[in-house]
Protein backbone atom coordinates (compact mmCIF):
# COMPACT_ATOMS: atom_id res chain seq x y z
CA MET A 1 0.00 0.00 0.00
CA ALA A 2 1.36 3.40 -0.92
CA LYS A 3 1.94 5.85 1.91
CA THR A 4 -0.20 8.48 0.22
CA LYS A 5 -3.25 6.20 0.40
CA ARG A 6 -2.98 5.33 4.11
CA GLY A 7 -5.84 6.72 6.19
CA SER A 8 -7.65 8.24 3.23
CA ASN A 9 -10.98 6.68 4.28
CA ILE A 10 -10.67 8.05 7.82
CA LYS A 11 -9.88 11.55 6.63
CA LYS A 12 -13.10 11.66 4.56
CA ILE A 13 -15.15 11.57 7.79
CA PRO A 14 -15.89 15.11 9.05
CA ASN A 15 -14.56 15.93 12.54
CA TRP A 16 -12.58 12.68 12.77
CA ARG A 17 -9.96 14.26 15.01
CA GLY A 18 -10.61 16.29 18.13
CA THR A 19 -10.96 16.14 21.91
CA CYS A 20 -12.50 13.05 23.52
CA PRO A 21 -15.57 14.02 25.59
CA ILE A 22 -14.88 11.32 28.22
CA CYS A 23 -11.14 11.47 28.97
CA ASN A 24 -10.50 15.01 27.54
CA ARG A 25 -7.51 13.90 25.45
CA SER A 26 -6.81 16.38 22.69
CA SER A 27 -5.98 15.73 19.02
CA VAL A 28 -7.06 12.07 19.01
CA LYS A 29 -9.02 10.06 16.44
CA LEU A 30 -12.72 9.98 17.35
CA LEU A 31 -13.82 6.89 15.43
CA TRP A 32 -15.40 4.68 18.10
CA THR A 33 -18.96 5.01 19.37
CA ALA A 34 -19.90 4.86 23.04
CA VAL A 35 -23.49 4.84 24.29
CA LYS A 36 -24.30 7.56 26.80
CA ASP A 37 -27.89 8.42 27.75
CA GLU A 38 -29.30 6.31 24.86
CA GLN A 39 -27.31 8.38 22.37
CA GLY A 40 -24.07 7.46 20.63
CA ILE A 41 -21.09 9.77 20.99
CA LYS A 42 -17.74 9.56 19.22
CA VAL A 43 -14.86 8.73 21.56
CA CYS A 44 -11.17 7.79 21.35
CA LYS A 45 -9.85 4.24 21.14
CA HIS A 46 -9.10 3.95 24.87
CA CYS A 47 -12.62 4.98 25.91
CA GLY A 48 -14.33 3.00 23.14
CA ASN A 49 -13.00 -0.40 24.19
């Protein structure tokens, strides 16, 4: 796989990088969904597992 193609699918998602609402880490990938109050929120890898 060419290095220019790596992560191209992730980068198409709007707001894929930001601050995790649970652990307050900044500049992390927000790709995992956690259920909070019957509503899904995007969280980082550590909080999503």
